Amino acid sequence: MSPKPVRFRLNGRERALFVEAGRNLLDALREGLGDLTPKYGCGQGTCGSCTVLVDGEPVLSCLMLAEAAEGRAIETLETFDGPELDPLQQAFMDHFAAQCGYCTPGMLMAAEALLRREPDPDREQVVEAISGNICRCTGYEPIVRAILDAAARRAGRGTAGGGGS
């Protein structure tokens, strides 16, 4: 089969590319559009490092066909590309919630989806939201604290702690 045109919004910008049938969204984003922020981890949908938002919901881009993105809004970590860090990014830094950084884009996207849906989540909601994302470096406590802190920052309550403790 010949490549098929697919049109969608990527991080707020209209984009189009030709994709072969069966190509996954992760490869289309990375190779077709040069967005290297979603990471290739397992290729089987079990690690979460390729998590992107599709119409605001977290999706494992290694499992989604690129042609299914037609007419959809796709967001990657580049959605945070601005002159200053987003409170979620800053909280990850402040709480040492990223070490090697490989899982970080997927974690941030899963957290962003949660915070949009539930601006003031409790600990259990945070744990559930990131349950599909594997981190092999930090353990999950700094990540959970960072997400709760980001919620507080976005709500104007300042930081809910700080540092790595």
N, C-alpha and C. Protein backbone atom coordinates (compact mmCIF):
# COMPACT_ATOMS: atom_id res chain seq x y z
N MET A 1 0.84 -1.19 0.00
CA MET A 1 0.00 0.00 0.00
C MET A 1 0.88 1.24 0.00
N SER A 2 0.35 2.27 -0.58
CA SER A 2 1.11 3.52 -0.62
C SER A 2 0.86 4.31 0.66
N PRO A 3 1.79 5.19 1.00
CA PRO A 3 1.61 6.01 2.21
C PRO A 3 0.31 6.82 2.16
N LYS A 4 -0.26 7.00 3.31
CA LYS A 4 -1.54 7.71 3.45
C LYS A 4 -1.29 9.04 4.17
N PRO A 5 -1.91 10.14 3.68
CA PRO A 5 -1.73 11.42 4.40
C PRO A 5 -2.53 11.42 5.70
N VAL A 6 -1.91 11.94 6.75
CA VAL A 6 -2.56 12.06 8.05
C VAL A 6 -2.37 13.50 8.51
N ARG A 7 -3.48 14.13 8.90
CA ARG A 7 -3.44 15.52 9.38
C ARG A 7 -3.91 15.55 10.83
N PHE A 8 -3.19 16.30 11.65
CA PHE A 8 -3.53 16.42 13.07
C PHE A 8 -2.86 17.66 13.62
N ARG A 9 -3.22 18.02 14.85
CA ARG A 9 -2.55 19.13 15.55
C ARG A 9 -1.52 18.52 16.48
N LEU A 10 -0.29 18.99 16.37
CA LEU A 10 0.77 18.55 17.26
C LEU A 10 1.22 19.74 18.08
N ASN A 11 0.98 19.67 19.37
CA ASN A 11 1.34 20.76 20.29
C ASN A 11 0.80 22.11 19.80
N GLY A 12 -0.45 22.06 19.32
CA GLY A 12 -1.14 23.29 18.92
C GLY A 12 -0.91 23.73 17.49
N ARG A 13 -0.07 23.03 16.75
CA ARG A 13 0.23 23.40 15.35
C ARG A 13 -0.30 22.34 14.41
N GLU A 14 -0.93 22.79 13.33
CA GLU A 14 -1.42 21.86 12.31
C GLU A 14 -0.23 21.18 11.65
N ARG A 15 -0.30 19.86 11.54
CA ARG A 15 0.78 19.09 10.93
C ARG A 15 0.17 18.05 10.00
N ALA A 16 0.95 17.61 9.06
CA ALA A 16 0.54 16.55 8.15
C ALA A 16 1.77 15.77 7.75
N LEU A 17 1.58 14.48 7.53
CA LEU A 17 2.66 13.65 7.02
C LEU A 17 2.06 12.42 6.37
N PHE A 18 2.85 11.80 5.53
CA PHE A 18 2.44 10.55 4.90
C PHE A 18 2.95 9.40 5.76
N VAL A 19 2.07 8.45 6.04
CA VAL A 19 2.47 7.30 6.85
C VAL A 19 2.10 6.00 6.15
N GLU A 20 2.96 5.02 6.30
CA GLU A 20 2.68 3.67 5.82
C GLU A 20 1.66 3.03 6.74
N ALA A 21 0.83 2.17 6.18
CA ALA A 21 -0.14 1.43 6.99
C ALA A 21 0.63 0.62 8.03
N GLY A 22 0.15 0.64 9.25
CA GLY A 22 0.77 -0.11 10.32
C GLY A 22 1.86 0.62 11.09
N ARG A 23 2.23 1.82 10.65
CA ARG A 23 3.26 2.57 11.37
C ARG A 23 2.67 3.14 12.65
N ASN A 24 3.41 3.06 13.74
CA ASN A 24 2.86 3.57 14.99
C ASN A 24 3.12 5.07 15.13
N LEU A 25 2.36 5.67 16.01
CA LEU A 25 2.45 7.12 16.22
C LEU A 25 3.82 7.52 16.74
N LEU A 26 4.41 6.72 17.61
CA LEU A 26 5.73 7.04 18.15
C LEU A 26 6.74 7.21 17.03
N ASP A 27 6.82 6.28 16.12
CA ASP A 27 7.77 6.39 15.01
C ASP A 27 7.44 7.57 14.10
N ALA A 28 6.16 7.81 13.86
CA ALA A 28 5.77 8.93 13.02
C ALA A 28 6.19 10.26 13.64
N LEU A 29 6.01 10.39 14.95
CA LEU A 29 6.41 11.63 15.63
C LEU A 29 7.92 11.80 15.61
N ARG A 30 8.64 10.74 15.96
CA ARG A 30 10.10 10.82 16.08
C ARG A 30 10.78 10.92 14.72
N GLU A 31 10.44 10.02 13.82
CA GLU A 31 11.13 9.97 12.52
C GLU A 31 10.50 10.89 11.49
N GLY A 32 9.19 10.98 11.50
CA GLY A 32 8.51 11.79 10.49
C GLY A 32 8.50 13.27 10.79
N LEU A 33 8.44 13.62 12.08
CA LEU A 33 8.33 15.04 12.45
C LEU A 33 9.47 15.54 13.33
N GLY A 34 10.35 14.66 13.74
CA GLY A 34 11.52 15.08 14.51
C GLY A 34 11.24 15.43 15.96
N ASP A 35 10.08 15.02 16.48
CA ASP A 35 9.78 15.26 17.90
C ASP A 35 10.33 14.06 18.68
N LEU A 36 11.48 14.25 19.29
CA LEU A 36 12.16 13.16 19.98
C LEU A 36 11.79 13.06 21.45
N THR A 37 10.81 13.84 21.91
CA THR A 37 10.48 13.79 23.33
C THR A 37 9.75 12.52 23.75
N PRO A 38 8.84 11.95 22.97
CA PRO A 38 8.34 10.64 23.39
C PRO A 38 9.46 9.63 23.18
N LYS A 39 9.74 8.83 24.17
CA LYS A 39 10.86 7.90 24.11
C LYS A 39 10.41 6.51 23.72
N TYR A 40 11.26 5.80 23.00
CA TYR A 40 11.03 4.39 22.72
C TYR A 40 11.59 3.61 23.91
N GLY A 41 10.73 2.88 24.56
CA GLY A 41 11.18 2.08 25.69
C GLY A 41 11.08 0.61 25.37
N CYS A 42 9.89 0.06 25.52
CA CYS A 42 9.71 -1.37 25.36
C CYS A 42 9.12 -1.76 24.01
N GLY A 43 8.37 -0.84 23.39
CA GLY A 43 7.70 -1.16 22.13
C GLY A 43 6.50 -2.07 22.30
N GLN A 44 6.11 -2.34 23.54
CA GLN A 44 5.00 -3.25 23.82
C GLN A 44 3.91 -2.63 24.68
N GLY A 45 4.04 -1.34 25.02
CA GLY A 45 3.01 -0.69 25.82
C GLY A 45 3.07 -0.98 27.29
N THR A 46 4.22 -1.41 27.80
CA THR A 46 4.29 -1.74 29.21
C THR A 46 5.12 -0.77 30.05
N CYS A 47 5.90 0.12 29.42
CA CYS A 47 6.78 0.98 30.22
C CYS A 47 6.29 2.42 30.36
N GLY A 48 5.52 2.93 29.40
CA GLY A 48 4.99 4.28 29.49
C GLY A 48 5.90 5.39 29.03
N SER A 49 7.12 5.09 28.61
CA SER A 49 8.04 6.17 28.22
C SER A 49 7.60 6.87 26.94
N CYS A 50 6.71 6.26 26.18
CA CYS A 50 6.24 6.86 24.93
C CYS A 50 4.90 7.60 25.10
N THR A 51 4.47 7.80 26.34
CA THR A 51 3.15 8.40 26.59
C THR A 51 3.05 9.80 26.00
N VAL A 52 1.99 10.03 25.25
CA VAL A 52 1.63 11.34 24.71
C VAL A 52 0.16 11.56 25.07
N LEU A 53 -0.30 12.77 24.89
CA LEU A 53 -1.72 13.05 25.08
C LEU A 53 -2.40 13.09 23.72
N VAL A 54 -3.51 12.39 23.61
CA VAL A 54 -4.33 12.41 22.40
C VAL A 54 -5.69 12.92 22.85
N ASP A 55 -6.03 14.09 22.34
CA ASP A 55 -7.27 14.76 22.77
C ASP A 55 -7.33 14.85 24.29
N GLY A 56 -6.16 15.10 24.90
CA GLY A 56 -6.06 15.32 26.34
C GLY A 56 -5.92 14.09 27.20
N GLU A 57 -5.98 12.91 26.59
CA GLU A 57 -5.89 11.67 27.35
C GLU A 57 -4.55 10.98 27.10
N PRO A 58 -3.95 10.38 28.13
CA PRO A 58 -2.67 9.70 27.93
C PRO A 58 -2.83 8.45 27.06
N VAL A 59 -1.92 8.33 26.10
CA VAL A 59 -1.94 7.21 25.16
C VAL A 59 -0.51 6.73 24.98
N LEU A 60 -0.33 5.43 24.88
CA LEU A 60 0.98 4.85 24.60
C LEU A 60 1.18 4.92 23.09
N SER A 61 2.05 5.81 22.67
CA SER A 61 2.19 6.07 21.23
C SER A 61 2.83 4.92 20.48
N CYS A 62 3.47 3.98 21.18
CA CYS A 62 4.03 2.80 20.50
C CYS A 62 2.93 1.83 20.09
N LEU A 63 1.74 1.96 20.69
CA LEU A 63 0.63 1.07 20.38
C LEU A 63 -0.42 1.70 19.48
N MET A 64 -0.41 3.00 19.33
CA MET A 64 -1.41 3.70 18.52
C MET A 64 -0.91 3.81 17.08
N LEU A 65 -1.75 3.43 16.15
CA LEU A 65 -1.39 3.60 14.74
C LEU A 65 -1.38 5.08 14.39
N ALA A 66 -0.41 5.48 13.61
CA ALA A 66 -0.29 6.89 13.23
C ALA A 66 -1.52 7.37 12.48
N GLU A 67 -2.09 6.53 11.66
CA GLU A 67 -3.27 6.95 10.89
C GLU A 67 -4.47 7.22 11.79
N ALA A 68 -4.48 6.68 13.01
CA ALA A 68 -5.56 6.95 13.95
C ALA A 68 -5.47 8.36 14.53
N ALA A 69 -4.37 9.07 14.25
CA ALA A 69 -4.22 10.44 14.72
C ALA A 69 -4.97 11.44 13.85
N GLU A 70 -5.52 10.99 12.74
CA GLU A 70 -6.22 11.87 11.82
C GLU A 70 -7.24 12.74 12.56
N GLY A 71 -7.09 14.06 12.44
CA GLY A 71 -8.02 15.02 13.02
C GLY A 71 -7.93 15.19 14.53
N ARG A 72 -6.96 14.57 15.16
CA ARG A 72 -6.86 14.60 16.61
C ARG A 72 -5.86 15.65 17.07
N ALA A 73 -5.88 15.95 18.35
CA ALA A 73 -4.90 16.85 18.98
C ALA A 73 -3.90 15.99 19.73
N ILE A 74 -2.65 16.04 19.31
CA ILE A 74 -1.58 15.26 19.92
C ILE A 74 -0.68 16.23 20.69
N GLU A 75 -0.32 15.86 21.90
CA GLU A 75 0.61 16.67 22.69
C GLU A 75 1.75 15.79 23.18
N THR A 76 2.95 16.32 23.03
CA THR A 76 4.15 15.68 23.56
C THR A 76 4.75 16.64 24.58
N LEU A 77 5.88 16.27 25.10
CA LEU A 77 6.55 17.14 26.07
C LEU A 77 6.82 18.53 25.50
N GLU A 78 6.93 18.63 24.18
CA GLU A 78 7.16 19.93 23.56
C GLU A 78 6.00 20.90 23.76
N THR A 79 4.86 20.40 24.25
CA THR A 79 3.74 21.29 24.56
C THR A 79 4.12 22.27 25.67
N PHE A 80 5.14 21.90 26.47
CA PHE A 80 5.62 22.77 27.55
C PHE A 80 6.69 23.74 27.09
N ASP A 81 6.99 23.74 25.79
CA ASP A 81 8.08 24.56 25.27
C ASP A 81 7.72 26.04 25.38
N GLY A 82 8.26 26.69 26.37
CA GLY A 82 8.01 28.12 26.58
C GLY A 82 9.24 28.76 27.18
N PRO A 83 9.17 30.04 27.41
CA PRO A 83 10.35 30.72 27.96
C PRO A 83 10.66 30.32 29.40
N GLU A 84 9.66 29.83 30.12
CA GLU A 84 9.87 29.42 31.51
C GLU A 84 9.35 28.01 31.71
N LEU A 85 9.85 27.35 32.73
CA LEU A 85 9.36 26.01 33.04
C LEU A 85 7.93 26.06 33.54
N ASP A 86 7.15 25.09 33.16
CA ASP A 86 5.81 24.91 33.70
C ASP A 86 5.97 24.48 35.17
N PRO A 87 5.02 24.81 36.04
CA PRO A 87 5.12 24.36 37.44
C PRO A 87 5.33 22.86 37.59
N LEU A 88 4.80 22.07 36.69
CA LEU A 88 5.00 20.63 36.75
C LEU A 88 6.47 20.28 36.49
N GLN A 89 7.05 20.89 35.49
CA GLN A 89 8.48 20.67 35.21
C GLN A 89 9.34 21.15 36.38
N GLN A 90 9.01 22.32 36.91
CA GLN A 90 9.79 22.87 38.02
C GLN A 90 9.70 21.98 39.25
N ALA A 91 8.52 21.45 39.51
CA ALA A 91 8.35 20.56 40.67
C ALA A 91 9.16 19.28 40.49
N PHE A 92 9.22 18.76 39.27
CA PHE A 92 10.05 17.58 39.02
C PHE A 92 11.51 17.90 39.32
N MET A 93 11.96 19.07 38.94
CA MET A 93 13.34 19.46 39.24
C MET A 93 13.55 19.62 40.74
N ASP A 94 12.64 20.34 41.39
CA ASP A 94 12.80 20.64 42.81
C ASP A 94 12.77 19.39 43.69
N HIS A 95 12.05 18.39 43.27
CA HIS A 95 11.91 17.16 44.06
C HIS A 95 12.83 16.04 43.57
N PHE A 96 13.72 16.37 42.65
CA PHE A 96 14.65 15.36 42.11
C PHE A 96 13.88 14.16 41.58
N ALA A 97 12.80 14.44 40.87
CA ALA A 97 11.92 13.38 40.37
C ALA A 97 12.37 12.82 39.03
N ALA A 98 13.50 13.27 38.54
CA ALA A 98 14.05 12.73 37.30
C ALA A 98 15.53 12.49 37.51
N GLN A 99 15.97 11.32 37.15
CA GLN A 99 17.41 11.05 37.26
C GLN A 99 17.95 10.84 35.85
N CYS A 100 17.80 9.67 35.29
CA CYS A 100 18.32 9.47 33.93
C CYS A 100 17.47 10.23 32.93
N GLY A 101 16.21 10.47 33.26
CA GLY A 101 15.33 11.26 32.40
C GLY A 101 14.58 10.47 31.35
N TYR A 102 14.85 9.18 31.23
CA TYR A 102 14.23 8.43 30.16
C TYR A 102 12.71 8.31 30.32
N CYS A 103 12.24 8.11 31.53
CA CYS A 103 10.81 7.98 31.76
C CYS A 103 10.12 9.34 31.91
N THR A 104 10.91 10.38 32.10
CA THR A 104 10.37 11.68 32.47
C THR A 104 9.33 12.23 31.49
N PRO A 105 9.56 12.21 30.18
CA PRO A 105 8.52 12.73 29.29
C PRO A 105 7.18 12.01 29.46
N GLY A 106 7.21 10.69 29.56
CA GLY A 106 5.97 9.94 29.75
C GLY A 106 5.32 10.23 31.09
N MET A 107 6.14 10.33 32.14
CA MET A 107 5.62 10.67 33.47
C MET A 107 4.96 12.05 33.46
N LEU A 108 5.64 13.02 32.85
CA LEU A 108 5.10 14.37 32.79
C LEU A 108 3.78 14.42 32.02
N MET A 109 3.70 13.67 30.93
CA MET A 109 2.46 13.69 30.15
C MET A 109 1.32 13.00 30.91
N ALA A 110 1.62 11.90 31.59
CA ALA A 110 0.59 11.25 32.41
C ALA A 110 0.14 12.17 33.54
N ALA A 111 1.10 12.87 34.16
CA ALA A 111 0.77 13.81 35.23
C ALA A 111 -0.04 14.99 34.70
N GLU A 112 0.33 15.48 33.54
CA GLU A 112 -0.41 16.61 32.94
C GLU A 112 -1.86 16.22 32.69
N ALA A 113 -2.09 15.04 32.15
CA ALA A 113 -3.46 14.58 31.92
C ALA A 113 -4.24 14.53 33.23
N LEU A 114 -3.62 14.02 34.28
CA LEU A 114 -4.27 13.98 35.58
C LEU A 114 -4.60 15.37 36.08
N LEU A 115 -3.63 16.29 36.04
CA LEU A 115 -3.84 17.63 36.60
C LEU A 115 -4.87 18.43 35.82
N ARG A 116 -5.04 18.15 34.56
CA ARG A 116 -6.10 18.80 33.78
C ARG A 116 -7.46 18.26 34.20
N ARG A 117 -7.52 16.97 34.42
CA ARG A 117 -8.78 16.32 34.79
C ARG A 117 -9.13 16.56 36.25
N GLU A 118 -8.10 16.56 37.10
CA GLU A 118 -8.27 16.70 38.55
C GLU A 118 -7.19 17.65 39.07
N PRO A 119 -7.49 18.96 39.13
CA PRO A 119 -6.47 19.93 39.52
C PRO A 119 -5.94 19.79 40.95
N ASP A 120 -6.69 19.11 41.81
CA ASP A 120 -6.26 18.93 43.20
C ASP A 120 -6.33 17.44 43.57
N PRO A 121 -5.47 16.64 42.94
CA PRO A 121 -5.55 15.19 43.19
C PRO A 121 -5.02 14.81 44.56
N ASP A 122 -5.48 13.68 45.04
CA ASP A 122 -4.89 13.12 46.26
C ASP A 122 -3.81 12.12 45.84
N ARG A 123 -3.09 11.65 46.82
CA ARG A 123 -1.97 10.74 46.57
C ARG A 123 -2.38 9.51 45.77
N GLU A 124 -3.52 8.91 46.10
CA GLU A 124 -3.98 7.71 45.41
C GLU A 124 -4.25 7.99 43.94
N GLN A 125 -4.82 9.16 43.63
CA GLN A 125 -5.08 9.51 42.23
C GLN A 125 -3.77 9.69 41.47
N VAL A 126 -2.77 10.27 42.11
CA VAL A 126 -1.47 10.43 41.46
C VAL A 126 -0.86 9.06 41.18
N VAL A 127 -0.86 8.19 42.17
CA VAL A 127 -0.29 6.86 42.00
C VAL A 127 -1.00 6.12 40.85
N GLU A 128 -2.31 6.20 40.81
CA GLU A 128 -3.08 5.56 39.73
C GLU A 128 -2.72 6.16 38.38
N ALA A 129 -2.59 7.47 38.31
CA ALA A 129 -2.32 8.14 37.03
C ALA A 129 -0.97 7.74 36.44
N ILE A 130 0.01 7.48 37.27
CA ILE A 130 1.34 7.14 36.76
C ILE A 130 1.61 5.64 36.81
N SER A 131 0.60 4.86 37.12
CA SER A 131 0.81 3.42 37.29
C SER A 131 1.25 2.71 36.02
N GLY A 132 1.01 3.30 34.88
CA GLY A 132 1.46 2.70 33.62
C GLY A 132 2.83 3.15 33.18
N ASN A 133 3.51 3.92 34.02
CA ASN A 133 4.83 4.45 33.68
C ASN A 133 5.87 3.86 34.62
N ILE A 134 6.88 3.25 34.06
CA ILE A 134 7.92 2.62 34.85
C ILE A 134 9.12 3.54 34.97
N CYS A 135 9.62 3.68 36.19
CA CYS A 135 10.86 4.41 36.47
C CYS A 135 11.80 3.45 37.15
N ARG A 136 13.00 3.36 36.63
CA ARG A 136 13.96 2.43 37.21
C ARG A 136 15.02 3.16 38.04
N CYS A 137 14.96 4.47 38.12
CA CYS A 137 16.02 5.22 38.80
C CYS A 137 15.60 5.80 40.15
N THR A 138 14.54 6.62 40.15
CA THR A 138 14.24 7.40 41.35
C THR A 138 13.39 6.66 42.35
N GLY A 139 12.68 5.67 41.93
CA GLY A 139 11.59 5.19 42.75
C GLY A 139 10.47 6.18 42.53
N TYR A 140 9.35 5.92 43.08
CA TYR A 140 8.18 6.73 42.75
C TYR A 140 7.88 7.85 43.73
N GLU A 141 8.42 7.80 44.91
CA GLU A 141 8.08 8.81 45.92
C GLU A 141 8.42 10.23 45.47
N PRO A 142 9.60 10.51 44.94
CA PRO A 142 9.87 11.88 44.48
C PRO A 142 8.93 12.32 43.36
N ILE A 143 8.53 11.39 42.52
CA ILE A 143 7.62 11.71 41.41
C ILE A 143 6.24 12.05 41.96
N VAL A 144 5.75 11.25 42.87
CA VAL A 144 4.44 11.51 43.48
C VAL A 144 4.45 12.87 44.19
N ARG A 145 5.50 13.13 44.97
CA ARG A 145 5.60 14.43 45.66
C ARG A 145 5.65 15.58 44.68
N ALA A 146 6.36 15.40 43.58
CA ALA A 146 6.47 16.47 42.58
C ALA A 146 5.11 16.78 41.96
N ILE A 147 4.34 15.76 41.65
CA ILE A 147 3.02 15.97 41.03
C ILE A 147 2.08 16.66 42.01
N LEU A 148 2.09 16.23 43.27
CA LEU A 148 1.25 16.89 44.28
C LEU A 148 1.68 18.35 44.47
N ASP A 149 2.98 18.59 44.45
CA ASP A 149 3.50 19.95 44.57
C ASP A 149 3.09 20.80 43.37
N ALA A 150 3.16 20.23 42.17
CA ALA A 150 2.76 20.96 40.97
C ALA A 150 1.29 21.37 41.05
N ALA A 151 0.46 20.48 41.57
CA ALA A 151 -0.96 20.81 41.73
C ALA A 151 -1.12 22.00 42.66
N ALA A 152 -0.36 22.01 43.77
CA ALA A 152 -0.42 23.12 44.72
C ALA A 152 0.07 24.41 44.07
N ARG A 153 1.15 24.33 43.31
CA ARG A 153 1.68 25.52 42.63
C ARG A 153 0.69 26.08 41.63
N ARG A 154 0.08 25.22 40.85
CA ARG A 154 -0.89 25.68 39.86
C ARG A 154 -2.12 26.29 40.51
N ALA A 155 -2.43 25.84 41.71
CA ALA A 155 -3.59 26.37 42.43
C ALA A 155 -3.23 27.64 43.20
N GLY A 156 -1.94 28.05 43.12
CA GLY A 156 -1.51 29.26 43.80
C GLY A 156 -1.25 29.06 45.28
N ARG A 157 -1.05 27.80 45.68
CA ARG A 157 -0.78 27.54 47.09
C ARG A 157 0.69 27.42 47.39
N GLY A 158 1.54 27.82 46.44
CA GLY A 158 2.98 27.70 46.68
C GLY A 158 3.42 26.27 46.57
N THR A 159 4.53 25.96 47.17
CA THR A 159 5.01 24.58 47.10
C THR A 159 4.48 23.80 48.28
N ALA A 160 4.28 22.53 48.04
CA ALA A 160 3.77 21.62 49.08
C ALA A 160 4.92 20.85 49.71
N GLY A 161 6.02 21.44 49.84
CA GLY A 161 7.21 20.77 50.33
C GLY A 161 8.36 21.32 49.55
N GLY A 162 9.34 20.58 49.34
CA GLY A 162 10.45 21.05 48.53
C GLY A 162 11.61 20.10 48.71
N GLY A 163 12.62 20.38 47.94
CA GLY A 163 13.80 19.55 48.04
C GLY A 163 13.48 18.11 47.74
N GLY A 164 14.38 17.25 48.04
CA GLY A 164 14.20 15.84 47.74
C GLY A 164 13.76 15.03 48.91
N SER A 165 13.42 15.65 50.02
CA SER A 165 13.04 14.85 51.18
C SER A 165 11.55 14.69 51.30
